[in-house]
Amino acid sequence: MFKIRCLIILLLLVESVFAHNPQVSTISIIQNENKKWSVFITAPLYTCQLAIKNKFPQMNIDSISSFEIQKTILDLVKNNLIINGDSSVKLMNDKVQLAHETTIFFDINNDDFFPIEISFTAFSKLYNHFTLLKIVPSNSKEVTYILNADNKFHFPKRNETYSNPFDFYLLFVPISIIIFYLLYKYYNKRH
């Protein structure tokens, strides 16, 4: 019985250690059945606190009220979320739910909106942080992308082309064959 209790305690301890990784946040941009878009950002509270300390080093987080923390998180997120290259996209009906896992919510007030380019740098200065981006349109395929330091927290990656590197090799092989064939013909005529 003692061994079973120890095993259960060990499993609970291991689970709690990996439950909320402060290096991971998520952004979901979802279109509802009325063709309206909403943005949901979730991150551990600790991640938000680290980002605030990084952005505002003079601020003492322990001495401010929860309302001020919510406002600071909201400002941090709004100032670092750029959609379709426009930092002035109308984000309205904003809400922040402070908990161990903090949730930030916005509605996008634009009828002809479709997210094709996202930049989210609120947590970019944190060590080894990445953000999982999900774009869920109501009538087309869902997009999942990881925003990290490699792509400078930008979707699609800057200077990214949508060609597949394999396409280059498909083009390279026939051209090489033609060049070798022409060289073979040229040397056969000379001999």
Protein backbone atom coordinates (compact mmCIF):
# COMPACT_ATOMS: atom_id res chain seq x y z
CA MET A 1 0.00 0.00 0.00
CA PHE A 2 2.86 2.37 0.82
CA LYS A 3 4.43 1.75 -2.61
CA ILE A 4 1.14 2.59 -4.37
CA ARG A 5 0.81 5.86 -2.42
CA CYS A 6 4.39 6.79 -3.27
CA LEU A 7 3.76 6.00 -6.94
CA ILE A 8 0.61 8.15 -7.00
CA ILE A 9 2.42 11.04 -5.31
CA LEU A 10 5.30 10.72 -7.76
CA LEU A 11 2.93 10.73 -10.75
CA LEU A 12 1.07 13.77 -9.43
CA LEU A 13 4.32 15.58 -8.83
CA VAL A 14 5.64 14.81 -12.32
CA GLU A 15 2.33 15.86 -13.88
CA SER A 16 2.26 19.16 -12.02
CA VAL A 17 5.82 19.98 -13.07
CA PHE A 18 4.95 19.68 -16.77
CA ALA A 19 1.37 20.99 -16.55
CA HIS A 20 2.00 24.61 -17.55
CA ASN A 21 5.14 25.33 -19.48
CA PRO A 22 5.95 29.07 -19.32
CA GLN A 23 7.73 28.75 -22.66
CA VAL A 24 4.50 28.07 -24.58
CA SER A 25 1.60 30.35 -25.43
CA THR A 26 -1.20 30.03 -27.98
CA ILE A 27 -3.06 32.36 -30.32
CA SER A 28 -6.28 31.17 -31.90
CA ILE A 29 -7.93 33.34 -34.54
CA ILE A 30 -11.34 31.82 -35.11
CA GLN A 31 -14.18 32.74 -37.46
CA ASN A 32 -17.66 31.96 -36.18
CA GLU A 33 -20.75 31.00 -38.17
CA ASN A 34 -21.65 34.70 -38.58
CA LYS A 35 -18.32 35.30 -40.36
CA LYS A 36 -17.02 37.36 -37.41
CA TRP A 37 -13.47 36.80 -36.19
CA SER A 38 -12.26 36.47 -32.61
CA VAL A 39 -8.76 36.23 -31.15
CA PHE A 40 -7.99 34.06 -28.10
CA ILE A 41 -4.53 34.24 -26.55
CA THR A 42 -3.60 31.94 -23.68
CA ALA A 43 -0.37 32.00 -21.74
CA PRO A 44 0.70 31.07 -18.25
CA LEU A 45 0.43 34.01 -15.86
CA TYR A 46 4.14 33.63 -15.18
CA THR A 47 4.87 34.19 -18.87
CA CYS A 48 2.82 37.39 -18.82
CA GLN A 49 4.63 38.55 -15.69
CA LEU A 50 8.04 37.86 -17.27
CA ALA A 51 7.04 39.75 -20.42
CA ILE A 52 5.86 42.72 -18.33
CA LYS A 53 9.12 42.72 -16.33
CA ASN A 54 11.06 42.61 -19.59
CA LYS A 55 9.05 45.41 -21.21
CA PHE A 56 8.69 47.59 -18.08
CA PRO A 57 11.70 46.83 -15.86
CA GLN A 58 10.90 49.71 -13.50
CA MET A 59 7.42 48.32 -12.71
CA ASN A 60 7.02 46.36 -9.47
CA ILE A 61 4.43 43.72 -10.39
CA ASP A 62 3.99 42.60 -6.80
CA SER A 63 2.71 46.02 -5.74
CA ILE A 64 0.07 46.67 -8.41
CA SER A 65 -3.55 45.60 -8.38
CA SER A 66 -5.00 42.80 -10.50
CA PHE A 67 -6.90 45.41 -12.53
CA GLU A 68 -3.61 47.15 -13.39
CA ILE A 69 -2.01 43.81 -14.30
CA GLN A 70 -4.95 43.04 -16.60
CA LYS A 71 -4.64 46.45 -18.26
CA THR A 72 -0.85 46.05 -18.64
CA ILE A 73 -1.24 42.56 -20.17
CA LEU A 74 -3.92 43.88 -22.52
CA ASP A 75 -1.71 46.79 -23.61
CA LEU A 76 1.29 44.48 -24.03
CA VAL A 77 -0.68 42.10 -26.24
CA LYS A 78 -2.44 44.81 -28.27
CA ASN A 79 0.82 46.67 -28.95
CA ASN A 80 2.60 43.49 -30.07
CA LEU A 81 -0.11 41.87 -32.20
CA ILE A 82 0.03 42.96 -35.82
CA ILE A 83 -2.45 41.37 -38.21
CA ASN A 84 -2.04 41.67 -41.99
CA GLY A 85 0.72 44.27 -41.52
CA ASP A 86 -1.72 46.69 -39.86
CA SER A 87 -1.06 47.47 -36.21
CA SER A 88 -4.30 49.44 -36.03
CA VAL A 89 -6.69 46.54 -36.65
CA LYS A 90 -9.78 47.25 -34.55
CA LEU A 91 -9.67 44.89 -31.60
CA MET A 92 -12.78 45.33 -29.48
CA ASN A 93 -14.69 43.64 -26.64
CA ASP A 94 -11.38 42.84 -25.00
CA LYS A 95 -11.31 40.71 -21.88
CA VAL A 96 -8.52 39.35 -19.71
CA GLN A 97 -9.04 36.43 -17.36
CA LEU A 98 -6.23 36.23 -14.85
CA ALA A 99 -5.56 32.74 -13.59
CA HIS A 100 -2.72 30.26 -13.58
CA GLU A 101 -3.43 30.08 -17.31
CA THR A 102 -4.24 33.65 -18.44
CA THR A 103 -6.67 34.16 -21.33
CA ILE A 104 -6.96 37.30 -23.43
CA PHE A 105 -9.92 37.67 -25.78
CA PHE A 106 -10.72 40.15 -28.59
CA ASP A 107 -13.27 40.53 -31.35
CA ILE A 108 -12.06 41.91 -34.67
CA ASN A 109 -14.28 44.67 -35.99
CA ASN A 110 -13.78 44.35 -39.71
CA ASP A 111 -16.28 42.74 -42.10
CA ASP A 112 -13.86 41.97 -44.94
CA PHE A 113 -11.11 40.61 -42.69
CA PHE A 114 -9.08 37.48 -43.33
CA PRO A 115 -5.80 36.82 -41.46
CA ILE A 116 -2.95 36.16 -43.88
CA GLU A 117 -0.04 37.68 -41.96
CA ILE A 118 0.42 37.60 -38.17
CA SER A 119 3.20 39.08 -36.05
CA PHE A 120 3.08 38.53 -32.29
CA THR A 121 6.13 39.67 -30.34
CA ALA A 122 4.73 40.15 -26.82
CA PHE A 123 6.72 37.17 -25.52
CA SER A 124 9.56 37.25 -28.05
CA LYS A 125 12.20 38.44 -25.55
CA LEU A 126 11.59 35.49 -23.23
CA TYR A 127 14.12 32.68 -23.27
CA ASN A 128 13.25 29.83 -25.63
CA HIS A 129 9.59 30.85 -25.90
CA PHE A 130 7.30 29.87 -28.76
CA THR A 131 3.68 30.56 -29.61
CA LEU A 132 1.36 28.12 -31.32
CA LEU A 133 -0.77 29.98 -33.88
CA LYS A 134 -4.06 28.54 -35.11
CA ILE A 135 -6.19 30.24 -37.76
CA VAL A 136 -9.60 28.61 -38.02
CA PRO A 137 -11.80 29.96 -40.84
CA SER A 138 -15.39 28.78 -40.94
CA ASN A 139 -15.26 27.61 -44.56
CA SER A 140 -11.68 26.59 -45.31
CA LYS A 141 -8.76 24.62 -43.95
CA GLU A 142 -7.30 25.37 -40.51
CA VAL A 143 -3.74 26.72 -40.40
CA THR A 144 -1.35 25.78 -37.60
CA TYR A 145 2.02 27.47 -37.31
CA ILE A 146 4.67 27.88 -34.63
CA LEU A 147 5.88 31.43 -33.99
CA ASN A 148 9.40 31.43 -32.57
CA ALA A 149 12.77 33.17 -32.76
CA ASP A 150 13.63 31.37 -36.02
CA ASN A 151 10.78 33.10 -37.87
CA LYS A 152 10.94 36.25 -35.69
CA PHE A 153 7.44 35.49 -34.35
CA HIS A 154 5.97 36.20 -37.76
CA PHE A 155 3.62 34.18 -39.98
CA PRO A 156 4.45 33.49 -42.72
CA LYS A 157 8.18 33.60 -42.16
CA ARG A 158 9.60 36.81 -43.61
CA ASN A 159 10.98 36.33 -47.12
CA GLU A 160 9.34 32.93 -47.19
CA THR A 161 8.40 31.62 -50.56
CA TYR A 162 5.70 29.06 -50.88
CA SER A 163 7.70 26.88 -53.20
CA ASN A 164 8.87 23.55 -52.01
CA PRO A 165 12.66 22.94 -52.12
CA PHE A 166 11.87 19.62 -53.74
CA ASP A 167 10.47 21.56 -56.74
CA PHE A 168 13.96 22.91 -57.44
CA TYR A 169 15.38 19.40 -57.61
CA LEU A 170 12.59 18.32 -59.93
CA LEU A 171 13.60 21.12 -62.27
CA PHE A 172 17.34 20.56 -61.77
CA VAL A 173 17.29 16.88 -62.79
CA PRO A 174 15.77 17.32 -66.30
CA ILE A 175 17.98 20.32 -67.05
CA SER A 176 21.05 18.34 -65.97
CA ILE A 177 20.04 15.43 -68.18
CA ILE A 178 19.62 17.75 -71.16
CA ILE A 179 23.02 19.38 -70.54
CA PHE A 180 24.74 16.00 -70.21
CA TYR A 181 23.01 14.78 -73.40
CA LEU A 182 24.14 17.85 -75.34
CA LEU A 183 27.70 17.48 -74.02
CA TYR A 184 27.67 13.79 -74.98
CA LYS A 185 26.50 14.61 -78.52
CA TYR A 186 29.07 17.38 -78.84
CA TYR A 187 31.99 15.12 -77.79
CA ASN A 188 30.80 12.23 -79.96
CA LYS A 189 30.83 14.46 -83.08
CA ARG A 190 34.39 15.56 -82.37
CA HIS A 191 35.73 11.98 -82.14
